[in-house]
Amino acid sequence: MNKEKILSVLLGPIVSEKSTLASANNQYIFKVRPDSNKREVKAAVEELFGVTVEGVTTSNVKGKRKIYKGKAGQRVNWKKAVVKVSEGQMIDATAS
């Protein structure tokens, strides 16, 4: 795979209460490009963080319908990936 594409797959970590609880089970949640697949996400996490990935689960999140100043609209659809790393390994996704 192209190294530039691999490095552009991950858009950022999702930091929430649910993702913090998942990190106790060696699972980390990332926002990824909508056209990426599980193999690309796995390669990107292994390349960037130097960990061994056991599994990747992806899901498409539909944007919410909202009304703003009387006009209907919709937020952007996006994709998230839940990455499970090997036991004893850790990702510090909140570090800048």
PDB file of N, CA and C in Angstrom:
ATOM      1  N   MET A   1       0.833  -1.191   0.000  1.00  0.00           N
ATOM      2  CA  MET A   1       0.000   0.000   0.000  1.00  0.00           C
ATOM      3  C   MET A   1       0.876   1.252   0.000  1.00  0.00           C
ATOM      4  N   ASN A   2       0.321   2.317  -0.485  1.00  0.00           N
ATOM      5  CA  ASN A   2       1.021   3.586  -0.566  1.00  0.00           C
ATOM      6  C   ASN A   2       1.190   4.171   0.841  1.00  0.00           C
ATOM      7  N   LYS A   3       2.399   4.566   1.197  1.00  0.00           N
ATOM      8  CA  LYS A   3       2.677   5.062   2.543  1.00  0.00           C
ATOM      9  C   LYS A   3       1.937   6.377   2.825  1.00  0.00           C
ATOM     10  N   GLU A   4       1.791   7.228   1.814  1.00  0.00           N
ATOM     11  CA  GLU A   4       1.059   8.487   2.008  1.00  0.00           C
ATOM     12  C   GLU A   4      -0.397   8.224   2.348  1.00  0.00           C
ATOM     13  N   LYS A   5      -0.999   7.245   1.672  1.00  0.00           N
ATOM     14  CA  LYS A   5      -2.404   6.912   1.942  1.00  0.00           C
ATOM     15  C   LYS A   5      -2.545   6.339   3.354  1.00  0.00           C
ATOM     16  N   ILE A   6      -1.600   5.486   3.744  1.00  0.00           N
ATOM     17  CA  ILE A   6      -1.661   4.884   5.077  1.00  0.00           C
ATOM     18  C   ILE A   6      -1.604   5.963   6.150  1.00  0.00           C
ATOM     19  N   LEU A   7      -0.735   6.948   5.965  1.00  0.00           N
ATOM     20  CA  LEU A   7      -0.590   7.988   6.971  1.00  0.00           C
ATOM     21  C   LEU A   7      -1.763   8.962   6.999  1.00  0.00           C
ATOM     22  N   SER A   8      -2.558   8.997   5.939  1.00  0.00           N
ATOM     23  CA  SER A   8      -3.701   9.910   5.917  1.00  0.00           C
ATOM     24  C   SER A   8      -5.016   9.233   6.284  1.00  0.00           C
ATOM     25  N   VAL A   9      -4.987   7.951   6.628  1.00  0.00           N
ATOM     26  CA  VAL A   9      -6.214   7.218   6.953  1.00  0.00           C
ATOM     27  C   VAL A   9      -6.804   7.703   8.271  1.00  0.00           C
ATOM     28  N   LEU A  10      -5.984   7.825   9.298  1.00  0.00           N
ATOM     29  CA  LEU A  10      -6.474   8.242  10.616  1.00  0.00           C
ATOM     30  C   LEU A  10      -6.655   9.754  10.646  1.00  0.00           C
ATOM     31  N   LEU A  11      -7.858  10.198  10.991  1.00  0.00           N
ATOM     32  CA  LEU A  11      -8.122  11.633  11.085  1.00  0.00           C
ATOM     33  C   LEU A  11      -7.947  12.148  12.515  1.00  0.00           C
ATOM     34  N   GLY A  12      -8.115  11.278  13.502  1.00  0.00           N
ATOM     35  CA  GLY A  12      -7.918  11.687  14.879  1.00  0.00           C
ATOM     36  C   GLY A  12      -8.595  10.734  15.838  1.00  0.00           C
ATOM     37  N   PRO A  13      -8.205  10.785  17.101  1.00  0.00           N
ATOM     38  CA  PRO A  13      -8.854   9.931  18.099  1.00  0.00           C
ATOM     39  C   PRO A  13     -10.199  10.522  18.514  1.00  0.00           C
ATOM     40  N   ILE A  14     -11.073   9.658  18.964  1.00  0.00           N
ATOM     41  CA  ILE A  14     -12.344  10.101  19.533  1.00  0.00           C
ATOM     42  C   ILE A  14     -12.192   9.989  21.044  1.00  0.00           C
ATOM     43  N   VAL A  15     -12.218  11.122  21.718  1.00  0.00           N
ATOM     44  CA  VAL A  15     -12.038  11.145  23.162  1.00  0.00           C
ATOM     45  C   VAL A  15     -13.388  11.421  23.804  1.00  0.00           C
ATOM     46  N   SER A  16     -13.929  10.403  24.456  1.00  0.00           N
ATOM     47  CA  SER A  16     -15.204  10.518  25.147  1.00  0.00           C
ATOM     48  C   SER A  16     -15.166   9.581  26.346  1.00  0.00           C
ATOM     49  N   GLU A  17     -16.222   9.615  27.117  1.00  0.00           N
ATOM     50  CA  GLU A  17     -16.280   8.739  28.283  1.00  0.00           C
ATOM     51  C   GLU A  17     -16.299   7.275  27.850  1.00  0.00           C
ATOM     52  N   LYS A  18     -17.036   6.985  26.801  1.00  0.00           N
ATOM     53  CA  LYS A  18     -17.137   5.615  26.309  1.00  0.00           C
ATOM     54  C   LYS A  18     -15.797   5.118  25.762  1.00  0.00           C
ATOM     55  N   SER A  19     -15.069   5.967  25.037  1.00  0.00           N
ATOM     56  CA  SER A  19     -13.779   5.551  24.494  1.00  0.00           C
ATOM     57  C   SER A  19     -12.730   5.389  25.595  1.00  0.00           C
ATOM     58  N   THR A  20     -12.846   6.177  26.651  1.00  0.00           N
ATOM     59  CA  THR A  20     -11.926   6.031  27.778  1.00  0.00           C
ATOM     60  C   THR A  20     -12.152   4.705  28.494  1.00  0.00           C
ATOM     61  N   LEU A  21     -13.404   4.305  28.648  1.00  0.00           N
ATOM     62  CA  LEU A  21     -13.711   3.007  29.251  1.00  0.00           C
ATOM     63  C   LEU A  21     -13.253   1.862  28.357  1.00  0.00           C
ATOM     64  N   ALA A  22     -13.335   2.040  27.041  1.00  0.00           N
ATOM     65  CA  ALA A  22     -12.900   0.997  26.110  1.00  0.00           C
ATOM     66  C   ALA A  22     -11.387   0.813  26.148  1.00  0.00           C
ATOM     67  N   SER A  23     -10.651   1.868  26.477  1.00  0.00           N
ATOM     68  CA  SER A  23      -9.190   1.760  26.507  1.00  0.00           C
ATOM     69  C   SER A  23      -8.716   0.834  27.629  1.00  0.00           C
ATOM     70  N   ALA A  24      -9.558   0.603  28.624  1.00  0.00           N
ATOM     71  CA  ALA A  24      -9.213  -0.354  29.678  1.00  0.00           C
ATOM     72  C   ALA A  24      -9.184  -1.779  29.126  1.00  0.00           C
ATOM     73  N   ASN A  25      -9.891  -2.025  28.018  1.00  0.00           N
ATOM     74  CA  ASN A  25      -9.917  -3.340  27.373  1.00  0.00           C
ATOM     75  C   ASN A  25      -9.030  -3.384  26.132  1.00  0.00           C
ATOM     76  N   ASN A  26      -8.044  -2.498  26.058  1.00  0.00           N
ATOM     77  CA  ASN A  26      -7.109  -2.414  24.935  1.00  0.00           C
ATOM     78  C   ASN A  26      -7.809  -2.086  23.617  1.00  0.00           C
ATOM     79  N   GLN A  27      -8.891  -1.318  23.671  1.00  0.00           N
ATOM     80  CA  GLN A  27      -9.589  -0.880  22.469  1.00  0.00           C
ATOM     81  C   GLN A  27      -9.506   0.638  22.381  1.00  0.00           C
ATOM     82  N   TYR A  28      -9.200   1.125  21.180  1.00  0.00           N
ATOM     83  CA  TYR A  28      -9.067   2.558  20.953  1.00  0.00           C
ATOM     84  C   TYR A  28      -9.926   2.941  19.762  1.00  0.00           C
ATOM     85  N   ILE A  29     -10.566   4.113  19.833  1.00  0.00           N
ATOM     86  CA  ILE A  29     -11.515   4.534  18.816  1.00  0.00           C
ATOM     87  C   ILE A  29     -10.948   5.736  18.068  1.00  0.00           C
ATOM     88  N   PHE A  30     -10.985   5.643  16.729  1.00  0.00           N
ATOM     89  CA  PHE A  30     -10.454   6.688  15.869  1.00  0.00           C
ATOM     90  C   PHE A  30     -11.488   7.099  14.837  1.00  0.00           C
ATOM     91  N   LYS A  31     -11.431   8.367  14.441  1.00  0.00           N
ATOM     92  CA  LYS A  31     -12.183   8.837  13.290  1.00  0.00           C
ATOM     93  C   LYS A  31     -11.286   8.605  12.085  1.00  0.00           C
ATOM     94  N   VAL A  32     -11.825   7.932  11.059  1.00  0.00           N
ATOM     95  CA  VAL A  32     -11.025   7.576   9.891  1.00  0.00           C
ATOM     96  C   VAL A  32     -11.679   8.100   8.618  1.00  0.00           C
ATOM     97  N   ARG A  33     -10.933   8.060   7.518  1.00  0.00           N
ATOM     98  CA  ARG A  33     -11.472   8.503   6.234  1.00  0.00           C
ATOM     99  C   ARG A  33     -12.611   7.578   5.813  1.00  0.00           C
ATOM    100  N   PRO A  34     -13.671   8.128   5.220  1.00  0.00           N
ATOM    101  CA  PRO A  34     -14.809   7.297   4.819  1.00  0.00           C
ATOM    102  C   PRO A  34     -14.483   6.255   3.753  1.00  0.00           C
ATOM    103  N   ASP A  35     -13.429   6.461   2.962  1.00  0.00           N
ATOM    104  CA  ASP A  35     -13.093   5.500   1.919  1.00  0.00           C
ATOM    105  C   ASP A  35     -12.039   4.484   2.360  1.00  0.00           C
ATOM    106  N   SER A  36     -11.694   4.459   3.640  1.00  0.00           N
ATOM    107  CA  SER A  36     -10.674   3.528   4.128  1.00  0.00           C
ATOM    108  C   SER A  36     -11.313   2.180   4.469  1.00  0.00           C
ATOM    109  N   ASN A  37     -10.472   1.145   4.494  1.00  0.00           N
ATOM    110  CA  ASN A  37     -10.954  -0.175   4.886  1.00  0.00           C
ATOM    111  C   ASN A  37     -10.162  -0.666   6.097  1.00  0.00           C
ATOM    112  N   LYS A  38     -10.509  -1.860   6.580  1.00  0.00           N
ATOM    113  CA  LYS A  38      -9.906  -2.367   7.809  1.00  0.00           C
ATOM    114  C   LYS A  38      -8.404  -2.614   7.668  1.00  0.00           C
ATOM    115  N   ARG A  39      -7.985  -3.092   6.515  1.00  0.00           N
ATOM    116  CA  ARG A  39      -6.551  -3.340   6.312  1.00  0.00           C
ATOM    117  C   ARG A  39      -5.752  -2.055   6.390  1.00  0.00           C
ATOM    118  N   GLU A  40      -6.273  -0.990   5.793  1.00  0.00           N
ATOM    119  CA  GLU A  40      -5.569   0.293   5.815  1.00  0.00           C
ATOM    120  C   GLU A  40      -5.526   0.870   7.228  1.00  0.00           C
ATOM    121  N   VAL A  41      -6.609   0.726   7.984  1.00  0.00           N
ATOM    122  CA  VAL A  41      -6.636   1.216   9.362  1.00  0.00           C
ATOM    123  C   VAL A  41      -5.627   0.451  10.207  1.00  0.00           C
ATOM    124  N   LYS A  42      -5.582  -0.853  10.049  1.00  0.00           N
ATOM    125  CA  LYS A  42      -4.626  -1.677  10.796  1.00  0.00           C
ATOM    126  C   LYS A  42      -3.189  -1.274  10.475  1.00  0.00           C
ATOM    127  N   ALA A  43      -2.882  -1.098   9.186  1.00  0.00           N
ATOM    128  CA  ALA A  43      -1.528  -0.705   8.783  1.00  0.00           C
ATOM    129  C   ALA A  43      -1.174   0.669   9.322  1.00  0.00           C
ATOM    130  N   ALA A  44      -2.124   1.594   9.327  1.00  0.00           N
ATOM    131  CA  ALA A  44      -1.857   2.950   9.811  1.00  0.00           C
ATOM    132  C   ALA A  44      -1.569   2.957  11.305  1.00  0.00           C
ATOM    133  N   VAL A  45      -2.353   2.223  12.088  1.00  0.00           N
ATOM    134  CA  VAL A  45      -2.146   2.197  13.539  1.00  0.00           C
ATOM    135  C   VAL A  45      -0.816   1.529  13.874  1.00  0.00           C
ATOM    136  N   GLU A  46      -0.507   0.433  13.197  1.00  0.00           N
ATOM    137  CA  GLU A  46       0.770  -0.241  13.455  1.00  0.00           C
ATOM    138  C   GLU A  46       1.957   0.638  13.061  1.00  0.00           C
ATOM    139  N   GLU A  47       1.823   1.383  11.983  1.00  0.00           N
ATOM    140  CA  GLU A  47       2.914   2.260  11.513  1.00  0.00           C
ATOM    141  C   GLU A  47       3.107   3.457  12.434  1.00  0.00           C
ATOM    142  N   LEU A  48       2.012   4.104  12.825  1.00  0.00           N
ATOM    143  CA  LEU A  48       2.118   5.345  13.597  1.00  0.00           C
ATOM    144  C   LEU A  48       2.439   5.115  15.066  1.00  0.00           C
ATOM    145  N   PHE A  49       1.861   4.076  15.665  1.00  0.00           N
ATOM    146  CA  PHE A  49       2.002   3.891  17.106  1.00  0.00           C
ATOM    147  C   PHE A  49       2.921   2.744  17.493  1.00  0.00           C
ATOM    148  N   GLY A  50       3.340   1.921  16.543  1.00  0.00           N
ATOM    149  CA  GLY A  50       4.274   0.833  16.833  1.00  0.00           C
ATOM    150  C   GLY A  50       3.694  -0.239  17.724  1.00  0.00           C
ATOM    151  N   VAL A  51       2.431  -0.584  17.525  1.00  0.00           N
ATOM    152  CA  VAL A  51       1.771  -1.629  18.307  1.00  0.00           C
ATOM    153  C   VAL A  51       1.309  -2.741  17.368  1.00  0.00           C
ATOM    154  N   THR A  52       0.943  -3.888  17.960  1.00  0.00           N
ATOM    155  CA  THR A  52       0.398  -4.993  17.188  1.00  0.00           C
ATOM    156  C   THR A  52      -1.117  -4.960  17.301  1.00  0.00           C
ATOM    157  N   VAL A  53      -1.802  -4.881  16.167  1.00  0.00           N
ATOM    158  CA  VAL A  53      -3.258  -4.792  16.144  1.00  0.00           C
ATOM    159  C   VAL A  53      -3.844  -6.191  16.008  1.00  0.00           C
ATOM    160  N   GLU A  54      -4.763  -6.544  16.916  1.00  0.00           N
ATOM    161  CA  GLU A  54      -5.429  -7.838  16.853  1.00  0.00           C
ATOM    162  C   GLU A  54      -6.663  -7.798  15.967  1.00  0.00           C
ATOM    163  N   GLY A  55      -7.395  -6.682  15.986  1.00  0.00           N
ATOM    164  CA  GLY A  55      -8.603  -6.605  15.183  1.00  0.00           C
ATOM    165  C   GLY A  55      -9.071  -5.182  15.000  1.00  0.00           C
ATOM    166  N   VAL A  56      -9.842  -4.978  13.935  1.00  0.00           N
ATOM    167  CA  VAL A  56     -10.396  -3.659  13.622  1.00  0.00           C
ATOM    168  C   VAL A  56     -11.871  -3.828  13.293  1.00  0.00           C
ATOM    169  N   THR A  57     -12.695  -2.985  13.883  1.00  0.00           N
ATOM    170  CA  THR A  57     -14.115  -2.940  13.564  1.00  0.00           C
ATOM    171  C   THR A  57     -14.430  -1.534  13.083  1.00  0.00           C
ATOM    172  N   THR A  58     -15.083  -1.418  11.934  1.00  0.00           N
ATOM    173  CA  THR A  58     -15.422  -0.102  11.411  1.00  0.00           C
ATOM    174  C   THR A  58     -16.934   0.042  11.343  1.00  0.00           C
ATOM    175  N   SER A  59     -17.385   1.289  11.412  1.00  0.00           N
ATOM    176  CA  SER A  59     -18.814   1.558  11.251  1.00  0.00           C
ATOM    177  C   SER A  59     -18.990   2.948  10.656  1.00  0.00           C
ATOM    178  N   ASN A  60     -19.995   3.062   9.806  1.00  0.00           N
ATOM    179  CA  ASN A  60     -20.348   4.343   9.213  1.00  0.00           C
ATOM    180  C   ASN A  60     -21.369   5.022  10.108  1.00  0.00           C
ATOM    181  N   VAL A  61     -21.107   6.264  10.472  1.00  0.00           N
ATOM    182  CA  VAL A  61     -21.994   7.024  11.344  1.00  0.00           C
ATOM    183  C   VAL A  61     -22.726   8.043  10.485  1.00  0.00           C
ATOM    184  N   LYS A  62     -24.044   7.966  10.493  1.00  0.00           N
ATOM    185  CA  LYS A  62     -24.829   8.903   9.705  1.00  0.00           C
ATOM    186  C   LYS A  62     -24.936  10.229  10.431  1.00  0.00           C
ATOM    187  N   GLY A  63     -24.848  11.313   9.681  1.00  0.00           N
ATOM    188  CA  GLY A  63     -24.960  12.645  10.254  1.00  0.00           C
ATOM    189  C   GLY A  63     -26.382  12.926  10.722  1.00  0.00           C
ATOM    190  N   LYS A  64     -26.490  13.659  11.805  1.00  0.00           N
ATOM    191  CA  LYS A  64     -27.807  13.984  12.353  1.00  0.00           C
ATOM    192  C   LYS A  64     -28.508  15.028  11.498  1.00  0.00           C
ATOM    193  N   ARG A  65     -29.813  14.928  11.425  1.00  0.00           N
ATOM    194  CA  ARG A  65     -30.618  15.965  10.775  1.00  0.00           C
ATOM    195  C   ARG A  65     -30.868  17.068  11.790  1.00  0.00           C
ATOM    196  N   LYS A  66     -30.604  18.298  11.388  1.00  0.00           N
ATOM    197  CA  LYS A  66     -30.739  19.446  12.281  1.00  0.00           C
ATOM    198  C   LYS A  66     -31.513  20.550  11.588  1.00  0.00           C
ATOM    199  N   ILE A  67     -32.135  21.399  12.389  1.00  0.00           N
ATOM    200  CA  ILE A  67     -32.804  22.587  11.872  1.00  0.00           C
ATOM    201  C   ILE A  67     -32.099  23.790  12.475  1.00  0.00           C
ATOM    202  N   TYR A  68     -31.606  24.670  11.604  1.00  0.00           N
ATOM    203  CA  TYR A  68     -30.875  25.846  12.043  1.00  0.00           C
ATOM    204  C   TYR A  68     -31.520  27.069  11.411  1.00  0.00           C
ATOM    205  N   LYS A  69     -32.029  27.947  12.239  1.00  0.00           N
ATOM    206  CA  LYS A  69     -32.727  29.156  11.795  1.00  0.00           C
ATOM    207  C   LYS A  69     -33.859  28.833  10.817  1.00  0.00           C
ATOM    208  N   GLY A  70     -34.572  27.771  11.130  1.00  0.00           N
ATOM    209  CA  GLY A  70     -35.730  27.398  10.329  1.00  0.00           C
ATOM    210  C   GLY A  70     -35.410  26.617   9.071  1.00  0.00           C
ATOM    211  N   LYS A  71     -34.146  26.362   8.797  1.00  0.00           N
ATOM    212  CA  LYS A  71     -33.768  25.629   7.593  1.00  0.00           C
ATOM    213  C   LYS A  71     -33.254  24.241   7.981  1.00  0.00           C
ATOM    214  N   ALA A  72     -33.750  23.259   7.281  1.00  0.00           N
ATOM    215  CA  ALA A  72     -33.339  21.879   7.557  1.00  0.00           C
ATOM    216  C   ALA A  72     -31.985  21.609   6.918  1.00  0.00           C
ATOM    217  N   GLY A  73     -31.189  20.839   7.597  1.00  0.00           N
ATOM    218  CA  GLY A  73     -29.885  20.463   7.079  1.00  0.00           C
ATOM    219  C   GLY A  73     -29.454  19.141   7.676  1.00  0.00           C
ATOM    220  N   GLN A  74     -28.281  18.704   7.291  1.00  0.00           N
ATOM    221  CA  GLN A  74     -27.765  17.452   7.810  1.00  0.00           C
ATOM    222  C   GLN A  74     -26.265  17.583   8.033  1.00  0.00           C
ATOM    223  N   ARG A  75     -25.803  17.042   9.153  1.00  0.00           N
ATOM    224  CA  ARG A  75     -24.371  17.030   9.421  1.00  0.00           C
ATOM    225  C   ARG A  75     -23.690  15.998   8.525  1.00  0.00           C
ATOM    226  N   VAL A  76     -22.397  16.061   8.451  1.00  0.00           N
ATOM    227  CA  VAL A  76     -21.631  15.207   7.555  1.00  0.00           C
ATOM    228  C   VAL A  76     -21.591  13.771   8.089  1.00  0.00           C
ATOM    229  N   ASN A  77     -21.729  12.800   7.181  1.00  0.00           N
ATOM    230  CA  ASN A  77     -21.540  11.397   7.541  1.00  0.00           C
ATOM    231  C   ASN A  77     -20.045  11.149   7.751  1.00  0.00           C
ATOM    232  N   TRP A  78     -19.708  10.234   8.673  1.00  0.00           N
ATOM    233  CA  TRP A  78     -18.305   9.948   8.939  1.00  0.00           C
ATOM    234  C   TRP A  78     -18.140   8.483   9.319  1.00  0.00           C
ATOM    235  N   LYS A  79     -16.910   8.058   9.431  1.00  0.00           N
ATOM    236  CA  LYS A  79     -16.608   6.660   9.709  1.00  0.00           C
ATOM    237  C   LYS A  79     -15.721   6.571  10.940  1.00  0.00           C
ATOM    238  N   LYS A  80     -16.006   5.587  11.791  1.00  0.00           N
ATOM    239  CA  LYS A  80     -15.149   5.383  12.957  1.00  0.00           C
ATOM    240  C   LYS A  80     -14.635   3.956  12.967  1.00  0.00           C
ATOM    241  N   ALA A  81     -13.496   3.769  13.609  1.00  0.00           N
ATOM    242  CA  ALA A  81     -12.857   2.466  13.693  1.00  0.00           C
ATOM    243  C   ALA A  81     -12.495   2.184  15.141  1.00  0.00           C
ATOM    244  N   VAL A  82     -12.847   0.992  15.603  1.00  0.00           N
ATOM    245  CA  VAL A  82     -12.462   0.522  16.933  1.00  0.00           C
ATOM    246  C   VAL A  82     -11.319  -0.459  16.723  1.00  0.00           C
ATOM    247  N   VAL A  83     -10.158  -0.130  17.288  1.00  0.00           N
ATOM    248  CA  VAL A  83      -8.941  -0.916  17.088  1.00  0.00           C
ATOM    249  C   VAL A  83      -8.599  -1.615  18.396  1.00  0.00           C
ATOM    250  N   LYS A  84      -8.441  -2.941  18.324  1.00  0.00           N
ATOM    251  CA  LYS A  84      -8.031  -3.715  19.500  1.00  0.00           C
ATOM    252  C   LYS A  84      -6.564  -4.058  19.357  1.00  0.00           C
ATOM    253  N   VAL A  85      -5.771  -3.674  20.357  1.00  0.00           N
ATOM    254  CA  VAL A  85      -4.328  -3.951  20.326  1.00  0.00           C
ATOM    255  C   VAL A  85      -4.021  -5.128  21.242  1.00  0.00           C
ATOM    256  N   SER A  86      -2.835  -5.701  21.078  1.00  0.00           N
ATOM    257  CA  SER A  86      -2.430  -6.862  21.858  1.00  0.00           C
ATOM    258  C   SER A  86      -2.327  -6.520  23.337  1.00  0.00           C
ATOM    259  N   GLU A  87      -2.462  -7.537  24.153  1.00  0.00           N
ATOM    260  CA  GLU A  87      -2.389  -7.392  25.606  1.00  0.00           C
ATOM    261  C   GLU A  87      -1.026  -6.831  26.004  1.00  0.00           C
ATOM    262  N   GLY A  88      -1.034  -5.850  26.896  1.00  0.00           N
ATOM    263  CA  GLY A  88       0.193  -5.249  27.381  1.00  0.00           C
ATOM    264  C   GLY A  88       0.690  -4.068  26.568  1.00  0.00           C
ATOM    265  N   GLN A  89       0.067  -3.806  25.428  1.00  0.00           N
ATOM    266  CA  GLN A  89       0.453  -2.655  24.620  1.00  0.00           C
ATOM    267  C   GLN A  89      -0.556  -1.542  24.807  1.00  0.00           C
ATOM    268  N   MET A  90      -0.102  -0.305  24.561  1.00  0.00           N
ATOM    269  CA  MET A  90      -0.958   0.842  24.844  1.00  0.00           C
ATOM    270  C   MET A  90      -0.706   1.929  23.812  1.00  0.00           C
ATOM    271  N   ILE A  91      -1.776   2.696  23.516  1.00  0.00           N
ATOM    272  CA  ILE A  91      -1.681   3.840  22.624  1.00  0.00           C
ATOM    273  C   ILE A  91      -2.039   5.082  23.430  1.00  0.00           C
ATOM    274  N   ASP A  92      -1.177   6.097  23.398  1.00  0.00           N
ATOM    275  CA  ASP A  92      -1.501   7.352  24.047  1.00  0.00           C
ATOM    276  C   ASP A  92      -2.035   8.287  22.968  1.00  0.00           C
ATOM    277  N   ALA A  93      -3.329   8.164  22.669  1.00  0.00           N
ATOM    278  CA  ALA A  93      -3.941   8.903  21.574  1.00  0.00           C
ATOM    279  C   ALA A  93      -4.223  10.351  21.940  1.00  0.00           C
ATOM    280  N   THR A  94      -4.204  10.683  23.221  1.00  0.00           N
ATOM    281  CA  THR A  94      -4.533  12.047  23.637  1.00  0.00           C
ATOM    282  C   THR A  94      -3.314  12.948  23.676  1.00  0.00           C
ATOM    283  N   ALA A  95      -2.109  12.377  23.544  1.00  0.00           N
ATOM    284  CA  ALA A  95      -0.890  13.202  23.584  1.00  0.00           C
ATOM    285  C   ALA A  95      -0.773  14.032  22.323  1.00  0.00           C
ATOM    286  N   SER A  96      -0.299  15.263  22.480  1.00  0.00           N
ATOM    287  CA  SER A  96      -0.142  16.106  21.289  1.00  0.00           C
ATOM    288  C   SER A  96       1.296  16.399  20.998  1.00  0.00           C
TER     289      SER A  96
END
